[in-house]
PDB file of N, CA and C in Angstrom:
ATOM      1  N   MET A   1     -28.737  38.259-167.715  1.00  0.00           N
ATOM      2  CA  MET A   1     -29.350  39.556-167.819  1.00  0.00           C
ATOM      3  C   MET A   1     -30.209  39.816-166.583  1.00  0.00           C
ATOM      4  N   ALA A   2     -30.100  41.002-166.029  1.00  0.00           N
ATOM      5  CA  ALA A   2     -30.891  41.383-164.867  1.00  0.00           C
ATOM      6  C   ALA A   2     -32.343  41.619-165.283  1.00  0.00           C
ATOM      7  N   ARG A   3     -33.238  41.402-164.352  1.00  0.00           N
ATOM      8  CA  ARG A   3     -34.649  41.651-164.639  1.00  0.00           C
ATOM      9  C   ARG A   3     -34.919  43.145-164.638  1.00  0.00           C
ATOM     10  N   GLN A   4     -35.845  43.534-165.477  1.00  0.00           N
ATOM     11  CA  GLN A   4     -36.282  44.919-165.531  1.00  0.00           C
ATOM     12  C   GLN A   4     -37.799  44.956-165.569  1.00  0.00           C
ATOM     13  N   VAL A   5     -38.337  46.043-165.041  1.00  0.00           N
ATOM     14  CA  VAL A   5     -39.778  46.270-165.046  1.00  0.00           C
ATOM     15  C   VAL A   5     -40.039  47.508-165.889  1.00  0.00           C
ATOM     16  N   ILE A   6     -41.028  47.412-166.758  1.00  0.00           N
ATOM     17  CA  ILE A   6     -41.446  48.574-167.535  1.00  0.00           C
ATOM     18  C   ILE A   6     -42.867  48.915-167.080  1.00  0.00           C
ATOM     19  N   TYR A   7     -43.085  50.198-166.800  1.00  0.00           N
ATOM     20  CA  TYR A   7     -44.398  50.614-166.336  1.00  0.00           C
ATOM     21  C   TYR A   7     -44.742  51.987-166.875  1.00  0.00           C
ATOM     22  N   THR A   8     -46.026  52.279-166.909  1.00  0.00           N
ATOM     23  CA  THR A   8     -46.515  53.585-167.338  1.00  0.00           C
ATOM     24  C   THR A   8     -47.201  54.229-166.143  1.00  0.00           C
ATOM     25  N   PHE A   9     -46.691  55.398-165.758  1.00  0.00           N
ATOM     26  CA  PHE A   9     -47.220  56.126-164.614  1.00  0.00           C
ATOM     27  C   PHE A   9     -47.598  57.524-165.058  1.00  0.00           C
ATOM     28  N   LYS A  10     -48.885  57.824-164.975  1.00  0.00           N
ATOM     29  CA  LYS A  10     -49.421  59.130-165.379  1.00  0.00           C
ATOM     30  C   LYS A  10     -48.952  59.520-166.782  1.00  0.00           C
ATOM     31  N   GLY A  11     -49.018  58.550-167.694  1.00  0.00           N
ATOM     32  CA  GLY A  11     -48.717  58.800-169.088  1.00  0.00           C
ATOM     33  C   GLY A  11     -47.253  58.693-169.482  1.00  0.00           C
ATOM     34  N   GLN A  12     -46.345  58.512-168.528  1.00  0.00           N
ATOM     35  CA  GLN A  12     -44.921  58.386-168.840  1.00  0.00           C
ATOM     36  C   GLN A  12     -44.471  56.948-168.640  1.00  0.00           C
ATOM     37  N   THR A  13     -43.836  56.382-169.662  1.00  0.00           N
ATOM     38  CA  THR A  13     -43.325  55.021-169.576  1.00  0.00           C
ATOM     39  C   THR A  13     -41.895  55.046-169.064  1.00  0.00           C
ATOM     40  N   LYS A  14     -41.632  54.190-168.065  1.00  0.00           N
ATOM     41  CA  LYS A  14     -40.310  54.138-167.440  1.00  0.00           C
ATOM     42  C   LYS A  14     -39.880  52.690-167.281  1.00  0.00           C
ATOM     43  N   THR A  15     -38.565  52.481-167.227  1.00  0.00           N
ATOM     44  CA  THR A  15     -37.993  51.160-167.017  1.00  0.00           C
ATOM     45  C   THR A  15     -37.075  51.221-165.810  1.00  0.00           C
ATOM     46  N   ILE A  16     -37.214  50.237-164.897  1.00  0.00           N
ATOM     47  CA  ILE A  16     -36.383  50.181-163.701  1.00  0.00           C
ATOM     48  C   ILE A  16     -35.818  48.778-163.532  1.00  0.00           C
ATOM     49  N   ALA A  17     -34.738  48.685-162.775  1.00  0.00           N
ATOM     50  CA  ALA A  17     -34.154  47.388-162.442  1.00  0.00           C
ATOM     51  C   ALA A  17     -35.025  46.734-161.369  1.00  0.00           C
ATOM     52  N   PHE A  18     -35.057  45.398-161.354  1.00  0.00           N
ATOM     53  CA  PHE A  18     -35.873  44.670-160.394  1.00  0.00           C
ATOM     54  C   PHE A  18     -35.087  43.506-159.823  1.00  0.00           C
ATOM     55  N   SER A  19     -35.234  43.301-158.503  1.00  0.00           N
ATOM     56  CA  SER A  19     -34.628  42.160-157.832  1.00  0.00           C
ATOM     57  C   SER A  19     -35.578  41.645-156.761  1.00  0.00           C
ATOM     58  N   TYR A  20     -35.767  40.331-156.710  1.00  0.00           N
ATOM     59  CA  TYR A  20     -36.613  39.747-155.665  1.00  0.00           C
ATOM     60  C   TYR A  20     -35.962  39.882-154.293  1.00  0.00           C
ATOM     61  N   ASP A  21     -34.674  40.154-154.229  1.00  0.00           N
ATOM     62  CA  ASP A  21     -34.006  40.385-152.947  1.00  0.00           C
ATOM     63  C   ASP A  21     -34.484  41.680-152.298  1.00  0.00           C
ATOM     64  N   ILE A  22     -34.935  42.621-153.117  1.00  0.00           N
ATOM     65  CA  ILE A  22     -35.329  43.942-152.615  1.00  0.00           C
ATOM     66  C   ILE A  22     -36.850  44.085-152.533  1.00  0.00           C
ATOM     67  N   HIS A  23     -37.562  43.592-153.543  1.00  0.00           N
ATOM     68  CA  HIS A  23     -39.013  43.781-153.619  1.00  0.00           C
ATOM     69  C   HIS A  23     -39.746  42.455-153.678  1.00  0.00           C
ATOM     70  N   HIS A  24     -40.959  42.451-153.140  1.00  0.00           N
ATOM     71  CA  HIS A  24     -41.805  41.260-153.159  1.00  0.00           C
ATOM     72  C   HIS A  24     -42.329  40.983-154.570  1.00  0.00           C
ATOM     73  N   ASP A  25     -42.689  42.052-155.292  1.00  0.00           N
ATOM     74  CA  ASP A  25     -43.188  41.886-156.656  1.00  0.00           C
ATOM     75  C   ASP A  25     -42.966  43.164-157.459  1.00  0.00           C
ATOM     76  N   LEU A  26     -43.289  43.115-158.743  1.00  0.00           N
ATOM     77  CA  LEU A  26     -43.038  44.247-159.623  1.00  0.00           C
ATOM     78  C   LEU A  26     -43.887  45.463-159.277  1.00  0.00           C
ATOM     79  N   TYR A  27     -45.065  45.252-158.700  1.00  0.00           N
ATOM     80  CA  TYR A  27     -45.910  46.376-158.297  1.00  0.00           C
ATOM     81  C   TYR A  27     -45.244  47.189-157.187  1.00  0.00           C
ATOM     82  N   GLU A  28     -44.680  46.508-156.209  1.00  0.00           N
ATOM     83  CA  GLU A  28     -44.001  47.206-155.125  1.00  0.00           C
ATOM     84  C   GLU A  28     -42.783  47.962-155.632  1.00  0.00           C
ATOM     85  N   ALA A  29     -42.069  47.396-156.590  1.00  0.00           N
ATOM     86  CA  ALA A  29     -40.901  48.066-157.159  1.00  0.00           C
ATOM     87  C   ALA A  29     -41.298  49.348-157.880  1.00  0.00           C
ATOM     88  N   ALA A  30     -42.361  49.286-158.665  1.00  0.00           N
ATOM     89  CA  ALA A  30     -42.831  50.467-159.396  1.00  0.00           C
ATOM     90  C   ALA A  30     -43.327  51.542-158.435  1.00  0.00           C
ATOM     91  N   ALA A  31     -44.048  51.137-157.403  1.00  0.00           N
ATOM     92  CA  ALA A  31     -44.549  52.106-156.417  1.00  0.00           C
ATOM     93  C   ALA A  31     -43.393  52.789-155.692  1.00  0.00           C
ATOM     94  N   GLU A  32     -42.378  52.021-155.326  1.00  0.00           N
ATOM     95  CA  GLU A  32     -41.219  52.615-154.653  1.00  0.00           C
ATOM     96  C   GLU A  32     -40.507  53.606-155.572  1.00  0.00           C
ATOM     97  N   ALA A  33     -40.379  53.255-156.843  1.00  0.00           N
ATOM     98  CA  ALA A  33     -39.712  54.147-157.797  1.00  0.00           C
ATOM     99  C   ALA A  33     -40.447  55.482-157.923  1.00  0.00           C
ATOM    100  N   GLU A  34     -41.757  55.469-157.717  1.00  0.00           N
ATOM    101  CA  GLU A  34     -42.554  56.694-157.809  1.00  0.00           C
ATOM    102  C   GLU A  34     -42.802  57.341-156.451  1.00  0.00           C
ATOM    103  N   GLY A  35     -42.243  56.756-155.392  1.00  0.00           N
ATOM    104  CA  GLY A  35     -42.368  57.341-154.061  1.00  0.00           C
ATOM    105  C   GLY A  35     -43.736  57.149-153.415  1.00  0.00           C
ATOM    106  N   ILE A  36     -44.434  56.098-153.763  1.00  0.00           N
ATOM    107  CA  ILE A  36     -45.764  55.828-153.223  1.00  0.00           C
ATOM    108  C   ILE A  36     -45.633  54.901-152.014  1.00  0.00           C
ATOM    109  N   ASP A  37     -46.220  55.310-150.888  1.00  0.00           N
ATOM    110  CA  ASP A  37     -46.217  54.515-149.666  1.00  0.00           C
ATOM    111  C   ASP A  37     -47.334  53.473-149.750  1.00  0.00           C
ATOM    112  N   LEU A  38     -46.988  52.210-149.660  1.00  0.00           N
ATOM    113  CA  LEU A  38     -47.964  51.129-149.801  1.00  0.00           C
ATOM    114  C   LEU A  38     -48.413  50.531-148.478  1.00  0.00           C
ATOM    115  N   THR A  39     -48.099  51.157-147.361  1.00  0.00           N
ATOM    116  CA  THR A  39     -48.428  50.592-146.055  1.00  0.00           C
ATOM    117  C   THR A  39     -49.914  50.267-145.931  1.00  0.00           C
ATOM    118  N   ARG A  40     -50.773  51.234-146.177  1.00  0.00           N
ATOM    119  CA  ARG A  40     -52.218  51.013-146.041  1.00  0.00           C
ATOM    120  C   ARG A  40     -52.736  50.055-147.114  1.00  0.00           C
ATOM    121  N   PHE A  41     -52.192  50.150-148.308  1.00  0.00           N
ATOM    122  CA  PHE A  41     -52.582  49.250-149.394  1.00  0.00           C
ATOM    123  C   PHE A  41     -52.296  47.801-149.017  1.00  0.00           C
ATOM    124  N   LEU A  42     -51.100  47.531-148.475  1.00  0.00           N
ATOM    125  CA  LEU A  42     -50.725  46.165-148.115  1.00  0.00           C
ATOM    126  C   LEU A  42     -51.584  45.632-146.970  1.00  0.00           C
ATOM    127  N   GLN A  43     -51.970  46.504-146.035  1.00  0.00           N
ATOM    128  CA  GLN A  43     -52.863  46.085-144.957  1.00  0.00           C
ATOM    129  C   GLN A  43     -54.224  45.672-145.518  1.00  0.00           C
ATOM    130  N   MET A  44     -54.758  46.464-146.416  1.00  0.00           N
ATOM    131  CA  MET A  44     -56.062  46.161-147.007  1.00  0.00           C
ATOM    132  C   MET A  44     -55.986  44.894-147.855  1.00  0.00           C
ATOM    133  N   GLU A  45     -54.899  44.730-148.590  1.00  0.00           N
ATOM    134  CA  GLU A  45     -54.723  43.531-149.408  1.00  0.00           C
ATOM    135  C   GLU A  45     -54.698  42.275-148.525  1.00  0.00           C
ATOM    136  N   ALA A  46     -54.039  42.363-147.375  1.00  0.00           N
ATOM    137  CA  ALA A  46     -53.999  41.232-146.442  1.00  0.00           C
ATOM    138  C   ALA A  46     -55.399  40.915-145.911  1.00  0.00           C
ATOM    139  N   GLN A  47     -56.186  41.943-145.624  1.00  0.00           N
ATOM    140  CA  GLN A  47     -57.554  41.723-145.157  1.00  0.00           C
ATOM    141  C   GLN A  47     -58.401  41.053-146.236  1.00  0.00           C
ATOM    142  N   ILE A  48     -58.230  41.477-147.467  1.00  0.00           N
ATOM    143  CA  ILE A  48     -58.971  40.864-148.577  1.00  0.00           C
ATOM    144  C   ILE A  48     -58.588  39.397-148.714  1.00  0.00           C
ATOM    145  N   ALA A  49     -57.299  39.104-148.582  1.00  0.00           N
ATOM    146  CA  ALA A  49     -56.832  37.721-148.691  1.00  0.00           C
ATOM    147  C   ALA A  49     -57.438  36.841-147.602  1.00  0.00           C
ATOM    148  N   MET A  50     -57.605  37.392-146.409  1.00  0.00           N
ATOM    149  CA  MET A  50     -58.154  36.602-145.295  1.00  0.00           C
ATOM    150  C   MET A  50     -59.663  36.412-145.401  1.00  0.00           C
ATOM    151  N   THR A  51     -60.374  37.368-145.985  1.00  0.00           N
ATOM    152  CA  THR A  51     -61.834  37.316-145.956  1.00  0.00           C
ATOM    153  C   THR A  51     -62.496  36.905-147.269  1.00  0.00           C
ATOM    154  N   SER A  52     -61.768  36.953-148.358  1.00  0.00           N
ATOM    155  CA  SER A  52     -62.369  36.687-149.659  1.00  0.00           C
ATOM    156  C   SER A  52     -62.551  35.195-149.906  1.00  0.00           C
ATOM    157  N   LYS A  53     -63.707  34.854-150.435  1.00  0.00           N
ATOM    158  CA  LYS A  53     -63.969  33.468-150.828  1.00  0.00           C
ATOM    159  C   LYS A  53     -63.383  33.175-152.207  1.00  0.00           C
ATOM    160  N   LYS A  54     -63.090  34.231-152.965  1.00  0.00           N
ATOM    161  CA  LYS A  54     -62.547  34.049-154.307  1.00  0.00           C
ATOM    162  C   LYS A  54     -61.027  34.003-154.306  1.00  0.00           C
ATOM    163  N   GLY A  55     -60.392  34.211-153.166  1.00  0.00           N
ATOM    164  CA  GLY A  55     -58.952  34.052-153.013  1.00  0.00           C
ATOM    165  C   GLY A  55     -58.111  34.979-153.864  1.00  0.00           C
ATOM    166  N   ALA A  56     -57.227  34.399-154.656  1.00  0.00           N
ATOM    167  CA  ALA A  56     -56.245  35.163-155.426  1.00  0.00           C
ATOM    168  C   ALA A  56     -56.900  36.100-156.439  1.00  0.00           C
ATOM    169  N   LYS A  57     -58.035  35.738-156.981  1.00  0.00           N
ATOM    170  CA  LYS A  57     -58.699  36.606-157.959  1.00  0.00           C
ATOM    171  C   LYS A  57     -59.103  37.925-157.318  1.00  0.00           C
ATOM    172  N   ALA A  58     -59.632  37.895-156.113  1.00  0.00           N
ATOM    173  CA  ALA A  58     -60.034  39.115-155.418  1.00  0.00           C
ATOM    174  C   ALA A  58     -58.820  39.992-155.132  1.00  0.00           C
ATOM    175  N   GLU A  59     -57.724  39.367-154.722  1.00  0.00           N
ATOM    176  CA  GLU A  59     -56.495  40.129-154.455  1.00  0.00           C
ATOM    177  C   GLU A  59     -55.981  40.784-155.735  1.00  0.00           C
ATOM    178  N   LYS A  60     -55.968  40.029-156.816  1.00  0.00           N
ATOM    179  CA  LYS A  60     -55.478  40.546-158.088  1.00  0.00           C
ATOM    180  C   LYS A  60     -56.344  41.703-158.586  1.00  0.00           C
ATOM    181  N   ASP A  61     -57.659  41.560-158.473  1.00  0.00           N
ATOM    182  CA  ASP A  61     -58.573  42.623-158.886  1.00  0.00           C
ATOM    183  C   ASP A  61     -58.365  43.880-158.052  1.00  0.00           C
ATOM    184  N   PHE A  62     -58.203  43.702-156.739  1.00  0.00           N
ATOM    185  CA  PHE A  62     -57.951  44.842-155.852  1.00  0.00           C
ATOM    186  C   PHE A  62     -56.645  45.537-156.222  1.00  0.00           C
ATOM    187  N   ARG A  63     -55.598  44.747-156.436  1.00  0.00           N
ATOM    188  CA  ARG A  63     -54.287  45.308-156.782  1.00  0.00           C
ATOM    189  C   ARG A  63     -54.370  46.108-158.080  1.00  0.00           C
ATOM    190  N   ARG A  64     -54.993  45.545-159.091  1.00  0.00           N
ATOM    191  CA  ARG A  64     -55.098  46.244-160.379  1.00  0.00           C
ATOM    192  C   ARG A  64     -55.883  47.547-160.259  1.00  0.00           C
ATOM    193  N   SER A  65     -56.998  47.514-159.546  1.00  0.00           N
ATOM    194  CA  SER A  65     -57.812  48.732-159.433  1.00  0.00           C
ATOM    195  C   SER A  65     -57.120  49.804-158.596  1.00  0.00           C
ATOM    196  N   GLU A  66     -56.450  49.412-157.530  1.00  0.00           N
ATOM    197  CA  GLU A  66     -55.758  50.396-156.695  1.00  0.00           C
ATOM    198  C   GLU A  66     -54.560  51.009-157.419  1.00  0.00           C
ATOM    199  N   PHE A  67     -53.819  50.201-158.155  1.00  0.00           N
ATOM    200  CA  PHE A  67     -52.676  50.758-158.884  1.00  0.00           C
ATOM    201  C   PHE A  67     -53.140  51.652-160.023  1.00  0.00           C
ATOM    202  N   ALA A  68     -54.291  51.364-160.601  1.00  0.00           N
ATOM    203  CA  ALA A  68     -54.860  52.269-161.606  1.00  0.00           C
ATOM    204  C   ALA A  68     -55.237  53.593-160.933  1.00  0.00           C
ATOM    205  N   ARG A  69     -55.770  53.524-159.726  1.00  0.00           N
ATOM    206  CA  ARG A  69     -56.124  54.725-158.980  1.00  0.00           C
ATOM    207  C   ARG A  69     -54.873  55.545-158.628  1.00  0.00           C
ATOM    208  N   PHE A  70     -53.759  54.868-158.339  1.00  0.00           N
ATOM    209  CA  PHE A  70     -52.497  55.559-158.052  1.00  0.00           C
ATOM    210  C   PHE A  70     -51.958  56.288-159.278  1.00  0.00           C
ATOM    211  N   GLY A  71     -52.330  55.831-160.489  1.00  0.00           N
ATOM    212  CA  GLY A  71     -51.861  56.464-161.720  1.00  0.00           C
ATOM    213  C   GLY A  71     -51.107  55.542-162.656  1.00  0.00           C
ATOM    214  N   PHE A  72     -51.027  54.249-162.321  1.00  0.00           N
ATOM    215  CA  PHE A  72     -50.336  53.278-163.167  1.00  0.00           C
ATOM    216  C   PHE A  72     -51.311  52.700-164.183  1.00  0.00           C
ATOM    217  N   SER A  73     -50.897  52.660-165.445  1.00  0.00           N
ATOM    218  CA  SER A  73     -51.767  52.055-166.454  1.00  0.00           C
ATOM    219  C   SER A  73     -51.206  50.738-166.976  1.00  0.00           C
ATOM    220  N   SER A  74     -49.947  50.459-166.698  1.00  0.00           N
ATOM    221  CA  SER A  74     -49.333  49.217-167.152  1.00  0.00           C
ATOM    222  C   SER A  74     -48.102  48.935-166.304  1.00  0.00           C
ATOM    223  N   ILE A  75     -47.957  47.693-165.844  1.00  0.00           N
ATOM    224  CA  ILE A  75     -46.766  47.265-165.110  1.00  0.00           C
ATOM    225  C   ILE A  75     -46.470  45.842-165.552  1.00  0.00           C
ATOM    226  N   LYS A  76     -45.272  45.618-166.082  1.00  0.00           N
ATOM    227  CA  LYS A  76     -44.918  44.260-166.511  1.00  0.00           C
ATOM    228  C   LYS A  76     -43.405  44.107-166.554  1.00  0.00           C
ATOM    229  N   PHE A  77     -42.968  42.853-166.571  1.00  0.00           N
ATOM    230  CA  PHE A  77     -41.542  42.573-166.734  1.00  0.00           C
ATOM    231  C   PHE A  77     -41.152  42.810-168.189  1.00  0.00           C
ATOM    232  N   VAL A  78     -39.940  43.305-168.394  1.00  0.00           N
ATOM    233  CA  VAL A  78     -39.409  43.477-169.742  1.00  0.00           C
ATOM    234  C   VAL A  78     -39.006  42.098-170.248  1.00  0.00           C
ATOM    235  N   ARG A  79     -39.464  41.780-171.427  1.00  0.00           N
ATOM    236  CA  ARG A  79     -39.072  40.525-172.070  1.00  0.00           C
ATOM    237  C   ARG A  79     -38.048  40.845-173.148  1.00  0.00           C
ATOM    238  N   GLU A  80     -37.277  39.862-173.511  1.00  0.00           N
ATOM    239  CA  GLU A  80     -36.235  40.094-174.523  1.00  0.00           C
ATOM    240  C   GLU A  80     -36.808  40.637-175.825  1.00  0.00           C
ATOM    241  N   ASP A  81     -37.995  40.171-176.218  1.00  0.00           N
ATOM    242  CA  ASP A  81     -38.578  40.656-177.474  1.00  0.00           C
ATOM    243  C   ASP A  81     -39.193  42.048-177.325  1.00  0.00           C
ATOM    244  N   ASP A  82     -39.321  42.567-176.074  1.00  0.00           N
ATOM    245  CA  ASP A  82     -39.797  43.938-175.845  1.00  0.00           C
ATOM    246  C   ASP A  82     -38.705  44.981-176.018  1.00  0.00           C
ATOM    247  N   GLU A  83     -37.451  44.536-175.879  1.00  0.00           N
ATOM    248  CA  GLU A  83     -36.332  45.466-175.898  1.00  0.00           C
ATOM    249  C   GLU A  83     -36.085  46.021-177.282  1.00  0.00           C
ATOM    250  N   GLN A  84     -35.646  47.271-177.308  1.00  0.00           N
ATOM    251  CA  GLN A  84     -35.313  47.937-178.553  1.00  0.00           C
ATOM    252  C   GLN A  84     -33.845  47.656-178.912  1.00  0.00           C
ATOM    253  N   PRO A  85     -33.494  47.477-180.194  1.00  0.00           N
ATOM    254  CA  PRO A  85     -32.091  47.211-180.579  1.00  0.00           C
ATOM    255  C   PRO A  85     -31.215  48.426-180.391  1.00  0.00           C
TER     256      PRO A  85
END
């Protein structure tokens, strides 16, 4: 079974196909599906990674807050038990 990402963007829940060959992570896939340019976001994330003493936690917090600002309220992989019959 192919991987799928389910996300909520501005109140609408959508499901898209996902492949690591195309996207680095599920956040980038969801942003691309909504036409959001992540160039500046990725630059800032890299700066946080280089300067933060808290490491991955700071990056994760930044990613979550910025994607909430973009309009995403939930982004996750679809699990078999999430699927509808």
